[in-house]
Amino acid sequence: MEGVRMFKVFDRDGNLQYTSEKQPGLEANLSWRPSGNLIAATQKLTDKYIVSFFEKNGLKHGEFTIPLELTAVVEDLYWSFDSEILALLCNDNTTYTQKVLLFTSSNYHWYLKQTLTFNGQQKIGKIMWDNDFDIANNKKMHILLKTGEHYAYSWIWNIDNSKGKSDCDDAA
């Protein structure tokens, strides 16, 4: 089978623990979720580009489709320190831009929450999540461009609701 790869999981002493099943289109990008329960990897198939999730024993646990053209390339995957956000660094070869796609999950479904776009002159050199987030559960990401420019992005979960009831509220 052409274009099929596997990955192997070793313990701290270098002993082989697990070998994954053969996966078509498996790319070199692997990122172990800090909480330790999943390994994220990218797969480029004939009709779609996906992020696949594997258990540490190599068994596939789920996937989601990346909302980009097949001409795009995922350079790397970055988990936030608390494992809640998965960031993908992508080169979009149709628009000659770099994009950082931010995904979160709920009930085993992955949602694209935000896309950060950098034009062709703004090449990303490094992305890092800040592990110094505060009690309010803020998330902070640092992006360093190859020009030396530094961008710091902060996010906080916020739910807006009201205790009032309107005439058109059928939920009550």
N, C-alpha and C. Protein backbone atom coordinates (compact mmCIF):
# COMPACT_ATOMS: atom_id res chain seq x y z
N MET A 1 0.84 -1.19 0.00
CA MET A 1 0.00 0.00 0.00
C MET A 1 0.88 1.24 0.00
N GLU A 2 0.73 2.07 -0.99
CA GLU A 2 1.52 3.29 -1.09
C GLU A 2 0.86 4.40 -0.28
N GLY A 3 1.69 5.24 0.37
CA GLY A 3 1.16 6.35 1.15
C GLY A 3 0.57 5.95 2.48
N VAL A 4 0.93 4.77 2.96
CA VAL A 4 0.42 4.28 4.24
C VAL A 4 1.57 4.30 5.25
N ARG A 5 1.29 4.83 6.44
CA ARG A 5 2.31 4.90 7.48
C ARG A 5 1.74 4.41 8.80
N MET A 6 2.65 4.17 9.74
CA MET A 6 2.30 3.81 11.10
C MET A 6 3.15 4.67 12.03
N PHE A 7 2.75 4.72 13.30
CA PHE A 7 3.63 5.34 14.29
C PHE A 7 3.80 4.36 15.44
N LYS A 8 4.87 4.56 16.19
CA LYS A 8 5.18 3.67 17.31
C LYS A 8 5.31 4.50 18.58
N VAL A 9 4.89 3.92 19.68
CA VAL A 9 4.97 4.57 20.99
C VAL A 9 5.97 3.79 21.83
N PHE A 10 6.95 4.53 22.38
CA PHE A 10 7.99 3.93 23.20
C PHE A 10 7.86 4.45 24.63
N ASP A 11 8.35 3.68 25.59
CA ASP A 11 8.36 4.16 26.97
C ASP A 11 9.60 5.03 27.19
N ARG A 12 9.77 5.52 28.40
CA ARG A 12 10.89 6.43 28.70
C ARG A 12 12.25 5.79 28.50
N ASP A 13 12.30 4.47 28.60
CA ASP A 13 13.57 3.76 28.43
C ASP A 13 13.84 3.37 26.99
N GLY A 14 12.94 3.74 26.08
CA GLY A 14 13.13 3.42 24.67
C GLY A 14 12.60 2.06 24.25
N ASN A 15 11.82 1.43 25.12
CA ASN A 15 11.24 0.13 24.77
C ASN A 15 9.92 0.33 24.02
N LEU A 16 9.75 -0.41 22.94
CA LEU A 16 8.53 -0.31 22.15
C LEU A 16 7.34 -0.77 22.97
N GLN A 17 6.31 0.09 23.04
CA GLN A 17 5.09 -0.24 23.77
C GLN A 17 3.95 -0.58 22.82
N TYR A 18 3.75 0.25 21.80
CA TYR A 18 2.61 0.08 20.89
C TYR A 18 3.00 0.47 19.47
N THR A 19 2.34 -0.15 18.52
CA THR A 19 2.45 0.21 17.10
C THR A 19 1.05 0.44 16.58
N SER A 20 0.85 1.56 15.90
CA SER A 20 -0.48 1.87 15.38
C SER A 20 -0.82 0.97 14.21
N GLU A 21 -2.10 0.98 13.84
CA GLU A 21 -2.52 0.32 12.62
C GLU A 21 -1.99 1.12 11.44
N LYS A 22 -1.96 0.52 10.26
CA LYS A 22 -1.55 1.25 9.06
C LYS A 22 -2.61 2.29 8.74
N GLN A 23 -2.14 3.53 8.52
CA GLN A 23 -3.04 4.65 8.26
C GLN A 23 -2.71 5.29 6.92
N PRO A 24 -3.67 5.36 6.00
CA PRO A 24 -3.40 6.01 4.71
C PRO A 24 -3.24 7.52 4.89
N GLY A 25 -2.27 8.08 4.17
CA GLY A 25 -2.09 9.53 4.16
C GLY A 25 -1.58 10.13 5.45
N LEU A 26 -1.12 9.31 6.39
CA LEU A 26 -0.63 9.82 7.68
C LEU A 26 0.60 10.68 7.45
N GLU A 27 0.57 11.91 7.96
CA GLU A 27 1.69 12.83 7.79
C GLU A 27 2.60 12.77 9.01
N ALA A 28 3.67 13.55 8.97
CA ALA A 28 4.67 13.53 10.04
C ALA A 28 4.24 14.28 11.29
N ASN A 29 3.16 15.08 11.21
CA ASN A 29 2.71 15.86 12.37
C ASN A 29 2.07 14.96 13.41
N LEU A 30 2.66 14.93 14.59
CA LEU A 30 2.08 14.23 15.74
C LEU A 30 2.17 15.17 16.93
N SER A 31 1.13 15.18 17.76
CA SER A 31 1.16 16.01 18.96
C SER A 31 0.41 15.29 20.07
N TRP A 32 1.12 15.00 21.15
CA TRP A 32 0.53 14.28 22.27
C TRP A 32 -0.21 15.28 23.14
N ARG A 33 -1.48 15.01 23.40
CA ARG A 33 -2.29 15.88 24.25
C ARG A 33 -1.70 15.91 25.66
N PRO A 34 -1.50 17.09 26.25
CA PRO A 34 -0.88 17.16 27.57
C PRO A 34 -1.58 16.33 28.65
N SER A 35 -2.90 16.18 28.55
CA SER A 35 -3.59 15.34 29.53
C SER A 35 -3.25 13.87 29.33
N GLY A 36 -2.60 13.54 28.22
CA GLY A 36 -2.05 12.20 28.02
C GLY A 36 -2.97 11.18 27.40
N ASN A 37 -4.20 11.53 27.09
CA ASN A 37 -5.13 10.50 26.63
C ASN A 37 -5.24 10.37 25.12
N LEU A 38 -4.68 11.31 24.34
CA LEU A 38 -4.81 11.24 22.88
C LEU A 38 -3.55 11.74 22.19
N ILE A 39 -3.32 11.20 21.01
CA ILE A 39 -2.29 11.69 20.11
C ILE A 39 -3.01 12.22 18.88
N ALA A 40 -2.74 13.47 18.52
CA ALA A 40 -3.34 14.06 17.32
C ALA A 40 -2.34 13.95 16.17
N ALA A 41 -2.86 13.64 14.99
CA ALA A 41 -2.03 13.53 13.78
C ALA A 41 -2.85 13.99 12.59
N THR A 42 -2.17 14.42 11.54
CA THR A 42 -2.88 14.83 10.33
C THR A 42 -2.79 13.73 9.29
N GLN A 43 -3.87 13.61 8.51
CA GLN A 43 -3.93 12.67 7.40
C GLN A 43 -4.49 13.39 6.19
N LYS A 44 -3.78 13.30 5.07
CA LYS A 44 -4.26 13.87 3.82
C LYS A 44 -4.74 12.71 2.95
N LEU A 45 -6.06 12.64 2.79
CA LEU A 45 -6.67 11.59 1.99
C LEU A 45 -7.00 12.15 0.60
N THR A 46 -7.51 11.31 -0.28
CA THR A 46 -7.77 11.76 -1.65
C THR A 46 -8.86 12.82 -1.71
N ASP A 47 -9.82 12.78 -0.79
CA ASP A 47 -10.95 13.70 -0.87
C ASP A 47 -11.07 14.66 0.31
N LYS A 48 -10.21 14.53 1.33
CA LYS A 48 -10.30 15.42 2.48
C LYS A 48 -9.00 15.41 3.27
N TYR A 49 -8.87 16.44 4.10
CA TYR A 49 -7.72 16.62 4.98
C TYR A 49 -8.27 16.53 6.40
N ILE A 50 -7.73 15.64 7.22
CA ILE A 50 -8.31 15.42 8.54
C ILE A 50 -7.26 15.46 9.64
N VAL A 51 -7.74 15.76 10.84
CA VAL A 51 -6.98 15.54 12.06
C VAL A 51 -7.55 14.27 12.67
N SER A 52 -6.68 13.30 12.92
CA SER A 52 -7.10 12.04 13.52
C SER A 52 -6.58 11.97 14.94
N PHE A 53 -7.34 11.30 15.79
CA PHE A 53 -6.95 11.12 17.18
C PHE A 53 -6.74 9.64 17.45
N PHE A 54 -5.64 9.35 18.13
CA PHE A 54 -5.28 7.98 18.44
C PHE A 54 -5.08 7.84 19.94
N GLU A 55 -5.45 6.69 20.46
CA GLU A 55 -5.12 6.36 21.84
C GLU A 55 -3.65 6.00 21.87
N LYS A 56 -3.06 5.98 23.06
CA LYS A 56 -1.63 5.69 23.13
C LYS A 56 -1.30 4.27 22.69
N ASN A 57 -2.30 3.40 22.65
CA ASN A 57 -2.07 2.04 22.15
C ASN A 57 -2.12 1.97 20.62
N GLY A 58 -2.31 3.12 19.95
CA GLY A 58 -2.28 3.18 18.50
C GLY A 58 -3.62 3.04 17.82
N LEU A 59 -4.68 2.79 18.59
CA LEU A 59 -6.00 2.64 17.98
C LEU A 59 -6.62 4.00 17.70
N LYS A 60 -7.24 4.12 16.53
CA LYS A 60 -7.86 5.38 16.14
C LYS A 60 -9.10 5.62 16.99
N HIS A 61 -9.23 6.87 17.48
CA HIS A 61 -10.30 7.20 18.41
C HIS A 61 -11.30 8.20 17.85
N GLY A 62 -10.96 8.87 16.75
CA GLY A 62 -11.86 9.84 16.16
C GLY A 62 -11.13 10.71 15.17
N GLU A 63 -11.87 11.63 14.54
CA GLU A 63 -11.28 12.52 13.56
C GLU A 63 -12.21 13.68 13.29
N PHE A 64 -11.67 14.72 12.67
CA PHE A 64 -12.50 15.79 12.12
C PHE A 64 -11.83 16.33 10.86
N THR A 65 -12.65 16.88 9.98
CA THR A 65 -12.16 17.40 8.71
C THR A 65 -11.65 18.83 8.90
N ILE A 66 -10.49 19.11 8.33
CA ILE A 66 -9.92 20.45 8.38
C ILE A 66 -10.57 21.27 7.27
N PRO A 67 -11.13 22.43 7.58
CA PRO A 67 -11.84 23.21 6.56
C PRO A 67 -10.90 24.02 5.65
N LEU A 68 -10.03 23.31 4.96
CA LEU A 68 -9.10 23.93 4.02
C LEU A 68 -9.09 23.13 2.72
N GLU A 69 -8.61 23.76 1.66
CA GLU A 69 -8.44 23.06 0.40
C GLU A 69 -7.35 21.99 0.56
N LEU A 70 -7.39 20.98 -0.31
CA LEU A 70 -6.39 19.92 -0.25
C LEU A 70 -5.00 20.41 -0.64
N THR A 71 -4.91 21.60 -1.23
CA THR A 71 -3.59 22.16 -1.56
C THR A 71 -2.90 22.74 -0.33
N ALA A 72 -3.63 22.91 0.76
CA ALA A 72 -3.05 23.44 2.00
C ALA A 72 -2.16 22.37 2.64
N VAL A 73 -1.28 22.83 3.52
CA VAL A 73 -0.38 21.94 4.24
C VAL A 73 -0.41 22.30 5.71
N VAL A 74 -0.65 21.32 6.57
CA VAL A 74 -0.56 21.54 8.02
C VAL A 74 0.89 21.36 8.42
N GLU A 75 1.48 22.43 8.94
CA GLU A 75 2.89 22.39 9.35
C GLU A 75 3.07 21.76 10.72
N ASP A 76 2.16 22.09 11.65
CA ASP A 76 2.34 21.61 13.01
C ASP A 76 1.03 21.70 13.79
N LEU A 77 0.99 20.98 14.90
CA LEU A 77 -0.16 20.94 15.81
C LEU A 77 0.32 21.38 17.19
N TYR A 78 -0.51 22.17 17.89
CA TYR A 78 -0.13 22.70 19.20
C TYR A 78 -1.30 22.57 20.16
N TRP A 79 -1.14 21.82 21.24
CA TRP A 79 -2.16 21.72 22.28
C TRP A 79 -1.93 22.82 23.31
N SER A 80 -3.01 23.41 23.81
CA SER A 80 -2.87 24.30 24.97
C SER A 80 -2.47 23.45 26.17
N PHE A 81 -1.86 24.06 27.18
CA PHE A 81 -1.34 23.30 28.31
C PHE A 81 -2.44 22.54 29.06
N ASP A 82 -3.67 23.06 29.04
CA ASP A 82 -4.76 22.38 29.73
C ASP A 82 -5.51 21.41 28.82
N SER A 83 -5.02 21.21 27.60
CA SER A 83 -5.58 20.25 26.63
C SER A 83 -6.94 20.64 26.08
N GLU A 84 -7.38 21.87 26.28
CA GLU A 84 -8.71 22.28 25.82
C GLU A 84 -8.74 22.80 24.39
N ILE A 85 -7.62 23.33 23.90
CA ILE A 85 -7.59 23.92 22.55
C ILE A 85 -6.48 23.26 21.74
N LEU A 86 -6.82 22.91 20.50
CA LEU A 86 -5.84 22.38 19.55
C LEU A 86 -5.67 23.42 18.45
N ALA A 87 -4.44 23.88 18.27
CA ALA A 87 -4.13 24.86 17.22
C ALA A 87 -3.39 24.17 16.09
N LEU A 88 -3.77 24.49 14.86
CA LEU A 88 -3.10 23.96 13.67
C LEU A 88 -2.45 25.12 12.94
N LEU A 89 -1.17 24.98 12.62
CA LEU A 89 -0.48 25.96 11.78
C LEU A 89 -0.52 25.43 10.36
N CYS A 90 -1.15 26.20 9.46
CA CYS A 90 -1.38 25.74 8.09
C CYS A 90 -0.84 26.74 7.08
N ASN A 91 -0.31 26.22 5.99
CA ASN A 91 0.04 27.04 4.83
C ASN A 91 -1.06 26.86 3.81
N ASP A 92 -1.74 27.94 3.48
CA ASP A 92 -2.80 27.91 2.48
C ASP A 92 -2.19 28.33 1.15
N ASN A 93 -1.91 27.36 0.30
CA ASN A 93 -1.20 27.62 -0.95
C ASN A 93 -2.06 28.26 -2.03
N THR A 94 -3.37 28.34 -1.82
CA THR A 94 -4.22 29.02 -2.80
C THR A 94 -4.24 30.53 -2.55
N THR A 95 -4.13 30.93 -1.29
CA THR A 95 -4.15 32.36 -0.95
C THR A 95 -2.77 32.88 -0.52
N TYR A 96 -1.79 32.00 -0.47
CA TYR A 96 -0.42 32.35 -0.06
C TYR A 96 -0.42 33.00 1.31
N THR A 97 -1.16 32.41 2.22
CA THR A 97 -1.21 32.89 3.60
C THR A 97 -0.89 31.74 4.54
N GLN A 98 -0.57 32.09 5.77
CA GLN A 98 -0.47 31.12 6.85
C GLN A 98 -1.67 31.34 7.75
N LYS A 99 -2.23 30.24 8.23
CA LYS A 99 -3.39 30.33 9.10
C LYS A 99 -3.15 29.50 10.35
N VAL A 100 -3.65 30.03 11.46
CA VAL A 100 -3.67 29.28 12.71
C VAL A 100 -5.15 29.01 12.99
N LEU A 101 -5.51 27.73 12.96
CA LEU A 101 -6.90 27.33 13.21
C LEU A 101 -7.00 26.83 14.64
N LEU A 102 -7.97 27.35 15.39
CA LEU A 102 -8.14 27.00 16.80
C LEU A 102 -9.42 26.18 16.97
N PHE A 103 -9.28 24.96 17.49
CA PHE A 103 -10.39 24.04 17.66
C PHE A 103 -10.59 23.70 19.13
N THR A 104 -11.84 23.53 19.52
CA THR A 104 -12.19 23.00 20.84
C THR A 104 -13.17 21.85 20.63
N SER A 105 -13.36 21.05 21.66
CA SER A 105 -14.28 19.93 21.51
C SER A 105 -15.30 19.91 22.64
N SER A 106 -16.45 19.34 22.31
CA SER A 106 -17.51 19.12 23.28
C SER A 106 -18.29 17.90 22.81
N ASN A 107 -18.47 16.95 23.70
CA ASN A 107 -19.19 15.71 23.36
C ASN A 107 -18.61 15.04 22.12
N TYR A 108 -17.30 14.94 22.05
CA TYR A 108 -16.56 14.28 20.97
C TYR A 108 -16.75 14.94 19.61
N HIS A 109 -17.22 16.17 19.57
CA HIS A 109 -17.32 16.92 18.32
C HIS A 109 -16.36 18.10 18.39
N TRP A 110 -15.62 18.33 17.31
CA TRP A 110 -14.64 19.40 17.29
C TRP A 110 -15.19 20.60 16.54
N TYR A 111 -14.99 21.78 17.13
CA TYR A 111 -15.52 23.03 16.59
C TYR A 111 -14.38 23.98 16.27
N LEU A 112 -14.40 24.56 15.08
CA LEU A 112 -13.45 25.62 14.74
C LEU A 112 -13.93 26.89 15.41
N LYS A 113 -13.14 27.41 16.35
CA LYS A 113 -13.54 28.59 17.11
C LYS A 113 -13.01 29.89 16.50
N GLN A 114 -11.81 29.84 15.94
CA GLN A 114 -11.24 31.06 15.38
C GLN A 114 -10.14 30.71 14.39
N THR A 115 -9.96 31.58 13.40
CA THR A 115 -8.87 31.47 12.44
C THR A 115 -8.07 32.76 12.45
N LEU A 116 -6.77 32.65 12.67
CA LEU A 116 -5.87 33.79 12.60
C LEU A 116 -5.14 33.69 11.27
N THR A 117 -5.20 34.75 10.46
CA THR A 117 -4.60 34.72 9.12
C THR A 117 -3.44 35.70 9.05
N PHE A 118 -2.33 35.22 8.50
CA PHE A 118 -1.13 36.03 8.31
C PHE A 118 -0.79 36.04 6.83
N ASN A 119 -0.55 37.23 6.28
CA ASN A 119 -0.29 37.33 4.84
C ASN A 119 1.08 36.76 4.50
N GLY A 120 1.38 36.69 3.21
CA GLY A 120 2.61 36.07 2.73
C GLY A 120 3.88 36.69 3.25
N GLN A 121 3.84 37.95 3.66
CA GLN A 121 5.03 38.63 4.18
C GLN A 121 5.24 38.33 5.66
N GLN A 122 4.22 37.82 6.33
CA GLN A 122 4.28 37.57 7.77
C GLN A 122 4.45 36.07 8.03
N LYS A 123 5.64 35.55 7.86
CA LYS A 123 5.89 34.12 8.07
C LYS A 123 6.02 33.83 9.57
N ILE A 124 5.30 32.83 10.02
CA ILE A 124 5.33 32.45 11.43
C ILE A 124 6.58 31.62 11.70
N GLY A 125 7.33 32.04 12.71
CA GLY A 125 8.53 31.31 13.10
C GLY A 125 8.26 30.34 14.24
N LYS A 126 7.43 30.75 15.19
CA LYS A 126 7.19 29.92 16.38
C LYS A 126 5.83 30.25 16.98
N ILE A 127 5.15 29.22 17.45
CA ILE A 127 3.90 29.36 18.20
C ILE A 127 4.10 28.68 19.55
N MET A 128 3.68 29.36 20.61
CA MET A 128 3.76 28.77 21.95
C MET A 128 2.55 29.15 22.77
N TRP A 129 2.01 28.19 23.48
CA TRP A 129 0.96 28.47 24.46
C TRP A 129 1.63 28.91 25.74
N ASP A 130 1.04 29.87 26.42
CA ASP A 130 1.54 30.37 27.70
C ASP A 130 0.96 29.49 28.80
N ASN A 131 1.82 28.91 29.63
CA ASN A 131 1.31 28.07 30.71
C ASN A 131 1.01 28.86 31.97
N ASP A 132 1.13 30.17 31.90
CA ASP A 132 0.87 31.03 33.05
C ASP A 132 -0.50 31.70 32.91
N PHE A 133 -1.55 30.86 32.82
CA PHE A 133 -2.89 31.43 32.72
C PHE A 133 -3.47 31.59 34.12
N ASP A 134 -4.41 32.51 34.27
CA ASP A 134 -4.90 32.85 35.60
C ASP A 134 -6.10 31.99 36.00
N ILE A 135 -6.63 32.27 37.18
CA ILE A 135 -7.73 31.49 37.74
C ILE A 135 -8.98 31.57 36.88
N ALA A 136 -9.18 32.67 36.19
CA ALA A 136 -10.36 32.82 35.33
C ALA A 136 -10.27 31.95 34.08
N ASN A 137 -9.21 31.13 33.99
CA ASN A 137 -9.03 30.19 32.89
C ASN A 137 -8.78 30.89 31.56
N ASN A 138 -8.07 31.99 31.60
CA ASN A 138 -7.66 32.65 30.36
C ASN A 138 -6.69 31.75 29.62
N LYS A 139 -6.72 31.84 28.30
CA LYS A 139 -5.75 31.13 27.46
C LYS A 139 -4.92 32.20 26.76
N LYS A 140 -3.62 31.96 26.66
CA LYS A 140 -2.76 32.94 26.00
C LYS A 140 -1.81 32.21 25.06
N MET A 141 -1.73 32.73 23.83
CA MET A 141 -0.85 32.16 22.82
C MET A 141 0.09 33.24 22.31
N HIS A 142 1.35 32.85 22.13
CA HIS A 142 2.36 33.76 21.59
C HIS A 142 2.72 33.28 20.18
N ILE A 143 2.75 34.23 19.25
CA ILE A 143 3.18 33.93 17.88
C ILE A 143 4.34 34.87 17.56
N LEU A 144 5.46 34.26 17.20
CA LEU A 144 6.64 35.03 16.83
C LEU A 144 6.85 34.88 15.33
N LEU A 145 6.87 36.00 14.63
CA LEU A 145 7.09 35.98 13.19
C LEU A 145 8.59 35.96 12.90
N LYS A 146 8.95 35.51 11.72
CA LYS A 146 10.36 35.45 11.34
C LYS A 146 10.97 36.84 11.21
N THR A 147 10.13 37.87 11.10
CA THR A 147 10.62 39.26 11.07
C THR A 147 10.97 39.78 12.46
N GLY A 148 10.65 38.99 13.50
CA GLY A 148 10.90 39.41 14.88
C GLY A 148 9.67 39.99 15.56
N GLU A 149 8.59 40.19 14.81
CA GLU A 149 7.36 40.70 15.42
C GLU A 149 6.76 39.64 16.35
N HIS A 150 6.20 40.12 17.45
CA HIS A 150 5.59 39.23 18.45
C HIS A 150 4.12 39.59 18.60
N TYR A 151 3.27 38.58 18.55
CA TYR A 151 1.84 38.77 18.80
C TYR A 151 1.45 37.90 19.99
N ALA A 152 0.67 38.47 20.89
CA ALA A 152 0.14 37.72 22.03
C ALA A 152 -1.37 37.79 21.96
N TYR A 153 -2.00 36.63 21.94
CA TYR A 153 -3.46 36.54 21.88
C TYR A 153 -3.96 35.95 23.18
N SER A 154 -5.04 36.52 23.70
CA SER A 154 -5.66 36.01 24.93
C SER A 154 -7.12 35.70 24.66
N TRP A 155 -7.57 34.59 25.24
CA TRP A 155 -8.97 34.20 25.14
C TRP A 155 -9.49 33.84 26.52
N ILE A 156 -10.76 34.05 26.71
CA ILE A 156 -11.41 33.62 27.95
C ILE A 156 -12.78 33.07 27.58
N TRP A 157 -13.18 32.01 28.25
CA TRP A 157 -14.52 31.45 28.04
C TRP A 157 -15.53 32.38 28.69
N ASN A 158 -16.54 32.73 27.96
CA ASN A 158 -17.56 33.62 28.47
C ASN A 158 -18.92 33.16 27.97
N ILE A 159 -19.84 32.97 28.86
CA ILE A 159 -21.20 32.55 28.49
C ILE A 159 -22.15 33.67 28.87
N ASP A 160 -22.87 34.16 27.89
CA ASP A 160 -23.86 35.21 28.13
C ASP A 160 -25.23 34.57 28.27
N ASN A 161 -25.93 34.94 29.33
CA ASN A 161 -27.29 34.45 29.52
C ASN A 161 -28.08 35.45 30.36
N SER A 162 -29.36 35.26 30.38
CA SER A 162 -30.20 36.14 31.19
C SER A 162 -31.18 35.29 31.98
N LYS A 163 -31.68 35.85 33.06
CA LYS A 163 -32.64 35.14 33.90
C LYS A 163 -34.06 35.54 33.56
N GLY A 164 -34.17 36.47 32.64
CA GLY A 164 -35.50 36.94 32.25
C GLY A 164 -36.16 36.02 31.24
N LYS A 165 -37.43 36.28 31.01
CA LYS A 165 -38.19 35.50 30.05
C LYS A 165 -38.88 36.47 29.09
N SER A 166 -38.82 36.14 27.82
CA SER A 166 -39.48 36.99 26.83
C SER A 166 -40.77 36.31 26.36
N ASP A 167 -41.60 37.05 25.65
CA ASP A 167 -42.87 36.51 25.16
C ASP A 167 -42.66 35.37 24.16
N CYS A 168 -41.55 35.41 23.43
CA CYS A 168 -41.32 34.38 22.41
C CYS A 168 -40.49 33.21 22.94
N ASP A 169 -40.27 33.12 24.25
CA ASP A 169 -39.46 32.06 24.84
C ASP A 169 -40.32 30.81 25.04
N ASP A 170 -40.14 29.83 24.17
CA ASP A 170 -40.90 28.58 24.25
C ASP A 170 -40.21 27.54 25.13
N ALA A 171 -39.00 27.84 25.60
CA ALA A 171 -38.24 26.86 26.37
C ALA A 171 -38.77 26.69 27.79
N ALA A 172 -39.48 27.65 28.31
CA ALA A 172 -39.97 27.57 29.69
C ALA A 172 -41.20 26.74 29.69
